[in-house]
């Protein structure tokens, strides 16, 4: 008898497999929900299929009984929520949901005698009370100066669960490790939660100018979402004040009009002028770093000294060549006289 039981048990292990459920991650309060349970009996007969919410059975399907489908009232799922005519061995339909319907849903499948082998798998479902309306942005000025700190506050209407807030700057997602973002939540009357978020940005040219240098307004966008049930957003624009804008435009024109001076290709510091001078490698550049208060005359004097030093090197080179040639001629004359 023991061997028969073990044989039946192992037969059940290999007959019932691939059990999985499809439960909505989130649904809007009042909406219907369909719970699916999929499995492979591998030719074995189904004994029963049961659905549980938080370990309380609310639906059972037993093909050999009449009626096959039965429903039971549990907390969060009254009997009138269960559409028995549209529920069977693979699905259960809830005609509506309430906030209390949220919970952990489990599908349990059992094989027929003699194994009665049973498998179960669970998945959570959250019933959402979404916000009513859109989020709002406050705290922004119409105009800013470069280097000024922009502070924006975004608040989503109350919901359950609380909404998530995401910031976008010029259509780019704000990453919290790069910007100063603070978020907090509070419970409102009626047991709903409200989310608020604050964004701080130290304004630079990249926020208000394209890569080409063309001016643009800065776009601040706040999006609020609760799972896939609710998504709303609001967007505002801020500008650079006219005085800073004209100064930036004037500075750009002046920079375009002045021919850039030669700089050390390996240095990014301003004020490093380069010229050719006395060095082992006559083609190597040596730096002149003007001190504070250095005039254009001192810079010009440095360039003149560099040029004079190079001329002296050239003249000395010519004299050395003449002396060598004279010595060679003298040696040949001595050899000839001998």
Protein backbone atom coordinates (compact mmCIF):
# COMPACT_ATOMS: atom_id res chain seq x y z
CA UNK A 1 0.00 0.00 0.00
CA UNK A 2 2.88 2.36 0.84
CA UNK A 3 4.49 1.73 -2.53
CA UNK A 4 1.22 2.48 -4.31
CA UNK A 5 0.90 5.74 -2.39
CA UNK A 6 4.47 6.79 -3.26
CA UNK A 7 3.94 5.86 -6.90
CA UNK A 8 0.78 7.94 -6.99
CA UNK A 9 2.56 10.80 -5.28
CA UNK A 10 5.40 10.86 -7.81
CA UNK A 11 2.87 10.57 -10.62
CA UNK A 12 1.19 13.70 -9.25
CA UNK A 13 4.51 15.54 -9.09
CA UNK A 14 5.11 14.97 -12.75
CA UNK A 15 1.47 15.43 -13.85
CA UNK A 16 0.68 18.91 -12.44
CA UNK A 17 3.10 21.65 -13.50
CA UNK A 18 3.54 25.10 -15.07
CA UNK A 19 1.13 26.74 -12.63
CA UNK A 20 0.98 30.53 -12.98
CA UNK A 21 -1.50 33.34 -12.38
CA UNK A 22 -2.33 36.58 -14.14
CA UNK A 23 -3.62 39.13 -11.63
CA UNK A 24 -3.85 42.89 -12.40
CA UNK A 25 -1.15 44.78 -10.52
CA UNK A 26 -3.57 47.65 -9.92
CA UNK A 27 -7.17 48.53 -10.82
CA UNK A 28 -9.21 51.68 -10.34
CA UNK A 29 -11.70 51.52 -7.49
CA UNK A 30 -15.11 50.38 -8.77
CA UNK A 31 -13.64 48.73 -11.88
CA UNK A 32 -13.98 45.00 -12.67
CA UNK A 33 -11.06 42.61 -12.41
CA UNK A 34 -10.35 39.25 -14.05
CA UNK A 35 -8.07 36.77 -12.26
CA UNK A 36 -6.56 34.01 -14.41
CA UNK A 37 -4.96 30.75 -13.33
CA UNK A 38 -3.05 28.64 -15.87
CA UNK A 39 -1.70 25.11 -15.38
CA UNK A 40 -0.85 21.87 -17.17
CA UNK A 41 -2.32 18.64 -15.75
CA UNK A 42 -0.24 16.43 -18.11
CA UNK A 43 -3.24 14.14 -18.67
CA UNK A 44 -4.15 13.93 -14.97
CA UNK A 45 -7.71 14.78 -13.89
CA UNK A 46 -8.43 18.06 -12.05
CA UNK A 47 -9.86 17.60 -8.59
CA UNK A 48 -10.36 21.23 -7.56
CA UNK A 49 -9.29 24.82 -8.17
CA UNK A 50 -9.58 27.36 -5.37
CA UNK A 51 -9.02 31.12 -5.13
CA UNK A 52 -8.02 32.84 -1.90
CA UNK A 53 -7.69 36.46 -0.85
CA UNK A 54 -5.34 36.84 2.10
CA UNK A 55 -5.75 33.10 2.80
CA UNK A 56 -9.59 33.26 2.80
CA UNK A 57 -11.31 31.16 0.10
CA UNK A 58 -13.80 33.10 -2.03
CA UNK A 59 -14.14 30.82 -5.10
CA UNK A 60 -13.98 27.06 -5.73
CA UNK A 61 -14.28 25.01 -8.90
CA UNK A 62 -14.77 21.21 -8.63
CA UNK A 63 -15.70 19.63 -11.99
CA UNK A 64 -17.25 16.49 -10.48
CA UNK A 65 -19.67 18.39 -8.24
CA UNK A 66 -22.91 20.17 -9.08
CA UNK A 67 -22.79 23.05 -9.33
CA UNK A 68 -19.13 23.06 -10.29
CA UNK A 69 -18.53 26.69 -9.36
CA UNK A 70 -19.16 28.04 -5.88
CA UNK A 71 -18.55 31.49 -4.34
CA UNK A 72 -18.03 32.60 -0.77
CA UNK A 73 -18.18 36.07 0.79
CA UNK A 74 -14.94 37.25 2.42
CA UNK A 75 -13.64 40.58 3.64
CA UNK A 76 -13.27 42.92 0.66
CA UNK A 77 -15.16 40.57 -1.72
CA UNK A 78 -18.91 40.29 -1.13
CA UNK A 79 -20.74 37.50 -3.00
CA UNK A 80 -22.32 39.98 -5.40
CA UNK A 81 -18.81 41.00 -6.59
CA UNK A 82 -18.19 37.50 -8.02
CA UNK A 83 -19.63 36.85 -11.49
CA UNK A 84 -20.25 33.13 -11.15
CA UNK A 85 -21.50 32.79 -14.74
CA UNK A 86 -18.17 34.04 -16.08
CA UNK A 87 -15.95 32.12 -13.65
CA UNK A 88 -14.56 28.64 -14.29
CA UNK A 89 -11.43 26.47 -14.01
CA UNK A 90 -9.20 29.11 -15.60
CA UNK A 91 -10.60 32.46 -14.42
CA UNK A 92 -12.62 34.34 -11.84
CA UNK A 93 -14.33 37.60 -12.71
CA UNK A 94 -15.01 40.28 -10.12
CA UNK A 95 -17.73 42.60 -11.39
CA UNK A 96 -16.42 45.48 -9.27
CA UNK A 97 -13.79 46.25 -6.67
CA UNK A 98 -13.50 48.41 -3.57
CA UNK A 99 -10.48 49.68 -1.69
CA UNK A 100 -10.83 46.74 0.70
CA UNK A 101 -10.49 44.29 -2.21
CA UNK A 102 -6.73 44.94 -2.29
CA UNK A 103 -4.71 41.97 -1.09
CA UNK A 104 -2.72 38.86 -1.94
CA UNK A 105 -4.58 36.55 -4.34
CA UNK A 106 -3.69 32.85 -4.46
CA UNK A 107 -4.70 30.14 -6.93
CA UNK A 108 -4.54 26.56 -5.61
CA UNK A 109 -4.83 23.57 -7.98
CA UNK A 110 -5.21 19.93 -6.85
CA UNK A 111 -4.97 16.76 -8.94
CA UNK A 112 -7.56 13.95 -8.67
CA UNK A 113 -7.23 10.77 -6.63
CA UNK A 114 -4.97 8.99 -5.90
CA UNK A 115 -2.23 11.64 -5.69
CA UNK A 116 -4.27 14.75 -4.76
CA UNK A 117 -1.03 16.59 -5.54
CA UNK A 118 -1.49 20.34 -4.94
CA UNK A 119 0.31 23.45 -6.19
CA UNK A 120 -0.39 27.11 -5.45
CA UNK A 121 0.91 30.47 -6.63
CA UNK A 122 0.12 34.02 -5.47
CA UNK A 123 0.17 37.59 -6.77
CA UNK A 124 -0.87 40.93 -5.17
CA UNK A 125 -3.51 43.33 -6.47
CA UNK A 126 -3.97 46.95 -5.34
CA UNK A 127 -7.24 48.84 -5.79
CA UNK A 128 -6.41 52.51 -6.46
CA UNK A 129 -8.36 55.60 -5.50
CA UNK A 130 -6.74 57.96 -8.03
CA UNK A 131 -6.26 61.70 -7.55
CA UNK A 132 -8.96 64.02 -8.80
CA UNK A 133 -7.40 66.64 -11.04
CA UNK A 134 -3.86 67.45 -12.11
CA UNK A 135 -0.72 68.24 -10.10
CA UNK A 136 0.23 71.90 -9.60
CA UNK A 137 3.56 73.77 -9.70
CA UNK A 138 4.20 76.72 -7.40
CA UNK A 139 7.17 78.85 -6.33
CA UNK A 140 8.47 79.77 -9.80
CA UNK A 141 9.35 83.29 -10.92
CA UNK A 142 8.89 84.41 -14.49
CA UNK A 143 12.54 85.45 -14.94
CA UNK A 144 15.90 84.43 -13.45
CA UNK A 145 19.59 85.35 -13.68
CA UNK A 146 22.38 82.91 -14.47
CA UNK A 147 23.79 81.49 -11.26
CA UNK A 148 20.52 82.04 -9.41
CA UNK A 149 18.82 79.09 -7.67
CA UNK A 150 15.45 78.07 -9.10
CA UNK A 151 13.05 76.49 -6.59
CA UNK A 152 9.88 74.74 -7.79
CA UNK A 153 7.25 72.91 -5.73
CA UNK A 154 4.91 70.28 -7.18
CA UNK A 155 1.88 68.88 -5.34
CA UNK A 156 -0.34 66.01 -6.49
CA UNK A 157 -3.96 65.76 -5.33
CA UNK A 158 -4.76 63.27 -2.60
CA UNK A 159 -5.02 59.58 -3.54
CA UNK A 160 -4.65 56.10 -2.14
CA UNK A 161 -1.96 54.98 -2.48
CA UNK A 162 -0.03 58.25 -2.75
CA UNK A 163 1.06 59.40 -6.20
CA UNK A 164 4.66 59.31 -7.42
CA UNK A 165 6.10 62.60 -8.69
CA UNK A 166 8.67 62.85 -11.48
CA UNK A 167 10.42 66.04 -12.68
CA UNK A 168 11.54 66.89 -16.23
CA UNK A 169 13.78 69.82 -17.26
CA UNK A 170 13.73 70.69 -20.97
CA UNK A 171 12.07 67.29 -21.59
CA UNK A 172 14.92 65.44 -19.84
CA UNK A 173 14.18 63.25 -16.82
CA UNK A 174 15.59 64.75 -13.62
CA UNK A 175 17.93 62.31 -11.88
CA UNK A 176 17.90 62.82 -8.12
CA UNK A 177 21.65 62.23 -7.75
CA UNK A 178 22.30 65.20 -10.08
CA UNK A 179 19.67 67.61 -8.76
CA UNK A 180 18.40 68.62 -5.34
CA UNK A 181 15.00 66.90 -5.04
CA UNK A 182 13.06 66.54 -1.79
CA UNK A 183 9.78 64.62 -1.46
CA UNK A 184 7.30 64.31 1.41
CA UNK A 185 3.78 62.97 2.00
CA UNK A 186 0.91 63.73 4.37
CA UNK A 187 -2.47 62.19 5.11
CA UNK A 188 -5.51 64.26 4.23
CA UNK A 189 -9.07 64.16 5.50
CA UNK A 190 -10.79 61.05 4.16
CA UNK A 191 -7.72 58.84 4.62
CA UNK A 192 -6.06 59.79 1.32
CA UNK A 193 -2.35 60.61 0.97
CA UNK A 194 -0.89 63.67 -0.73
CA UNK A 195 2.58 63.80 -2.29
CA UNK A 196 4.66 66.98 -2.64
CA UNK A 197 8.10 67.42 -4.17
CA UNK A 198 10.60 70.29 -4.32
CA UNK A 199 13.17 70.79 -7.07
CA UNK A 200 16.18 73.13 -6.76
CA UNK A 201 18.42 74.01 -9.71
CA UNK A 202 21.46 76.29 -9.88
CA UNK A 203 20.86 77.88 -13.29
CA UNK A 204 23.66 77.70 -15.87
CA UNK A 205 23.88 78.41 -19.60
CA UNK A 206 23.00 74.83 -20.51
CA UNK A 207 19.55 75.30 -18.96
CA UNK A 208 18.70 78.38 -21.03
CA UNK A 209 20.80 78.09 -24.20
CA UNK A 210 21.05 75.48 -26.92
CA UNK A 211 24.44 73.95 -27.80
CA UNK A 212 24.50 76.35 -30.75
CA UNK A 213 24.30 79.29 -28.37
CA UNK A 214 20.71 80.18 -29.30
CA UNK A 215 18.56 81.34 -26.38
CA UNK A 216 15.53 79.30 -25.29
CA UNK A 217 12.97 79.32 -22.48
CA UNK A 218 13.46 76.70 -19.80
CA UNK A 219 10.71 74.07 -19.47
CA UNK A 220 9.84 72.71 -16.02
CA UNK A 221 7.50 69.70 -16.06
CA UNK A 222 5.98 67.78 -13.14
CA UNK A 223 4.28 64.40 -13.74
CA UNK A 224 2.21 62.51 -11.16
CA UNK A 225 1.33 58.82 -11.52
CA UNK A 226 -0.25 55.95 -9.58
CA UNK A 227 0.67 52.63 -11.22
CA UNK A 228 -0.96 52.46 -14.68
CA UNK A 229 -4.27 53.83 -13.35
CA UNK A 230 -3.47 57.56 -13.24
CA UNK A 231 -0.97 59.79 -15.06
CA UNK A 232 -1.23 63.58 -15.28
CA UNK A 233 1.33 66.35 -15.73
CA UNK A 234 1.70 70.12 -15.70
CA UNK A 235 4.38 72.26 -17.40
CA UNK A 236 5.65 75.81 -16.93
CA UNK A 237 8.24 78.01 -18.67
CA UNK A 238 10.81 80.37 -17.15
CA UNK A 239 13.03 82.93 -18.90
CA UNK A 240 16.35 84.66 -18.42
CA UNK A 241 15.90 88.28 -17.36
CA UNK A 242 16.41 90.82 -20.16
CA UNK A 243 19.55 92.37 -18.65
CA UNK A 244 21.33 89.00 -18.36
CA UNK A 245 20.09 87.96 -21.78
CA UNK A 246 21.48 91.07 -23.48
CA UNK A 247 24.77 90.72 -21.58
CA UNK A 248 25.12 87.12 -22.74
CA UNK A 249 24.35 88.09 -26.34
CA UNK A 250 26.87 91.00 -26.21
CA UNK A 251 29.55 88.78 -24.72
CA UNK A 252 29.05 86.23 -27.46
CA UNK A 253 29.40 88.88 -30.19
CA UNK A 254 32.63 90.20 -28.64
CA UNK A 255 34.09 86.70 -28.37
CA UNK A 256 33.27 86.00 -32.01
CA UNK A 257 34.93 89.28 -33.12
CA UNK A 258 38.28 88.76 -31.29
CA UNK A 259 40.78 86.38 -32.88
CA UNK A 260 41.84 83.83 -30.27
CA UNK A 261 45.49 83.86 -29.16
CA UNK A 262 47.71 80.81 -29.21
CA UNK A 263 47.39 78.74 -26.06
CA UNK A 264 49.05 75.71 -24.62
CA UNK A 265 47.20 72.80 -26.24
CA UNK A 266 47.60 70.85 -22.98
CA UNK A 267 46.28 73.58 -20.71
CA UNK A 268 42.80 75.01 -20.24
CA UNK A 269 43.95 78.01 -18.16
CA UNK A 270 43.41 81.47 -19.59
CA UNK A 271 46.33 83.88 -19.78
CA UNK A 272 49.02 81.39 -20.86
CA UNK A 273 50.75 82.88 -23.92
CA UNK A 274 53.19 80.81 -25.94
CA UNK A 275 56.23 81.63 -28.09
CA UNK A 276 59.38 79.99 -29.47
CA UNK A 277 62.57 80.47 -27.42
CA UNK A 278 65.93 79.06 -26.42
CA UNK A 279 65.40 75.35 -25.76
CA UNK A 280 67.00 72.03 -26.65
CA UNK A 281 64.18 71.59 -29.15
CA UNK A 282 63.98 74.86 -31.06
CA UNK A 283 60.44 74.00 -32.23
CA UNK A 284 59.07 73.51 -28.72
CA UNK A 285 56.85 76.20 -27.23
CA UNK A 286 57.71 77.73 -23.88
CA UNK A 287 55.12 79.51 -21.76
CA UNK A 288 54.88 83.08 -20.66
CA UNK A 289 52.46 83.43 -17.76
CA UNK A 290 51.81 87.13 -17.15
CA UNK A 291 51.51 88.12 -13.53
CA UNK A 292 48.73 90.28 -12.24
CA UNK A 293 49.09 93.74 -13.65
CA UNK A 294 51.27 92.69 -16.59
CA UNK A 295 50.85 95.13 -19.43
CA UNK A 296 50.70 94.48 -23.14
CA UNK A 297 54.18 96.12 -23.37
CA UNK A 298 55.70 93.41 -21.11
CA UNK A 299 54.03 90.72 -23.21
CA UNK A 300 55.36 92.32 -26.38
CA UNK A 301 58.82 92.61 -24.80
CA UNK A 302 58.78 88.90 -24.02
CA UNK A 303 57.93 88.04 -27.63
CA UNK A 304 60.71 90.40 -28.84
CA UNK A 305 63.25 88.70 -26.52
CA UNK A 306 62.21 85.30 -27.76
CA UNK A 307 62.67 86.44 -31.37
CA UNK A 308 66.11 88.00 -30.56
CA UNK A 309 67.23 84.84 -28.78
CA UNK A 310 66.34 82.76 -31.80
CA UNK A 311 68.35 85.12 -34.12
CA UNK A 312 71.40 84.81 -31.84
CA UNK A 313 71.20 81.01 -31.99
CA UNK A 314 71.13 81.12 -35.81
CA UNK A 315 74.21 83.48 -36.06
CA UNK A 316 76.24 81.30 -33.65
CA UNK A 317 75.41 78.24 -35.71
CA UNK A 318 76.75 79.92 -38.90
CA UNK A 319 80.04 81.00 -37.23
CA UNK A 320 80.64 77.44 -35.97
CA UNK A 321 80.21 76.03 -39.48
CA UNK A 322 82.73 78.56 -40.92
CA UNK A 323 85.32 77.70 -38.26
CA UNK A 324 85.00 73.96 -38.94
CA UNK A 325 85.45 74.52 -42.69
CA UNK A 326 88.54 76.71 -42.06
CA UNK A 327 90.14 73.98 -39.93
CA UNK A 328 89.57 71.39 -42.67
CA UNK A 329 91.18 73.62 -45.29
CA UNK A 330 94.18 74.25 -43.02
CA UNK A 331 94.71 70.51 -42.45
CA UNK A 332 94.61 69.81 -46.17
CA UNK A 333 97.24 72.49 -46.84
CA UNK A 334 99.58 70.98 -44.22
CA UNK A 335 99.18 67.53 -45.75
CA UNK A 336 99.87 68.92 -49.23
CA UNK A 337 103.12 70.65 -48.14
CA UNK A 338 104.40 67.35 -46.69
